[in-house]
Protein backbone atom coordinates (compact mmCIF):
# COMPACT_ATOMS: atom_id res chain seq x y z
CA MET A 1 22.66 3.06 -11.84
CA SER A 2 21.02 6.45 -11.37
CA GLN A 3 18.28 7.11 -8.82
CA ASP A 4 15.88 7.96 -11.65
CA LYS A 5 15.96 4.36 -12.86
CA LEU A 6 15.63 2.81 -9.40
CA ILE A 7 12.03 3.98 -9.05
CA SER A 8 9.77 4.16 -12.07
CA ALA A 9 6.48 6.05 -12.19
CA HIS A 10 4.49 2.81 -12.20
CA GLY A 11 4.15 1.78 -8.56
CA SER A 12 7.65 0.44 -8.02
CA TYR A 13 7.54 1.87 -4.52
CA ARG A 14 5.74 -1.35 -3.57
CA ARG A 15 9.07 -3.12 -3.95
CA LEU A 16 10.75 -0.86 -1.40
CA LYS A 17 11.61 -2.67 1.80
CA SER A 18 10.19 0.21 3.86
CA PHE A 19 6.83 -0.11 2.10
CA GLN A 20 6.78 -3.88 2.53
CA VAL A 21 7.58 -3.61 6.24
CA ALA A 22 4.94 -0.90 6.72
CA GLN A 23 2.38 -3.12 4.96
CA LEU A 24 3.35 -6.04 7.19
CA VAL A 25 3.04 -3.89 10.32
CA TYR A 26 -0.40 -2.75 9.17
CA ASP A 27 -1.56 -6.33 8.57
CA LEU A 28 -0.25 -7.49 11.94
CA THR A 29 -1.77 -4.49 13.72
CA VAL A 30 -5.19 -5.27 12.28
CA ARG A 31 -4.92 -8.92 13.32
CA PHE A 32 -3.67 -7.99 16.79
CA CYS A 33 -6.47 -5.48 17.33
CA GLU A 34 -9.13 -7.88 16.15
CA ARG A 35 -7.89 -10.48 18.59
CA TYR A 36 -6.85 -8.51 21.69
CA VAL A 37 -8.43 -5.05 21.66
CA ASP A 38 -12.10 -4.37 22.36
CA ARG A 39 -13.84 -3.82 19.05
CA PHE A 40 -15.53 -0.65 20.32
CA SER A 41 -12.30 0.81 21.69
CA ARG A 42 -10.98 4.09 20.31
CA THR A 43 -7.51 2.66 20.86
CA LYS A 44 -8.21 0.02 18.20
CA ASP A 45 -9.25 2.68 15.70
CA GLN A 46 -6.19 4.79 16.44
CA MET A 47 -3.78 1.88 16.12
CA ILE A 48 -5.21 0.79 12.78
CA GLN A 49 -5.32 4.34 11.43
CA ALA A 50 -1.69 4.96 12.41
CA ALA A 51 -0.53 1.76 10.73
CA ARG A 52 -2.56 2.57 7.60
CA SER A 53 -1.13 6.09 7.48
CA SER A 54 2.42 4.75 7.44
CA VAL A 55 1.70 2.67 4.35
CA GLN A 56 -0.12 5.52 2.60
CA ASN A 57 2.56 8.09 3.44
CA ILE A 58 5.30 6.01 1.85
CA GLY A 59 3.26 5.57 -1.32
CA ARG A 60 2.33 9.24 -1.52
CA ARG A 61 5.85 10.49 -0.87
CA VAL A 62 7.42 8.27 -3.50
CA SER A 63 4.65 8.84 -6.03
CA ARG A 64 4.98 12.62 -5.92
CA LYS A 65 6.59 13.83 -9.08
CA GLY A 66 10.31 14.35 -8.83
CA VAL A 67 10.69 13.00 -5.29
CA SER A 68 13.09 10.19 -4.65
CA PRO A 69 12.70 7.91 -1.64
CA PHE A 70 16.49 7.93 -1.41
CA SER A 71 16.84 11.65 -0.79
CA ALA A 72 17.90 12.87 2.65
CA ASN A 73 14.71 14.92 3.09
CA VAL A 74 12.24 12.01 2.89
């Protein structure tokens, strides 16, 4: 199977294990921060933003035309 067929242009990156794990980490980070970190803390904002960025970066990288998530330069 070629790499071109592994990822289609229609959001298949959501099935990537790396995306799923990043989404899980984001969800858990939000829950952790809501429970244990002061709601006015800058640390809370930074933790949530970092976790969100990981999810978004995977989606953006894979969605860019002609970029494979399986290449060595990802």
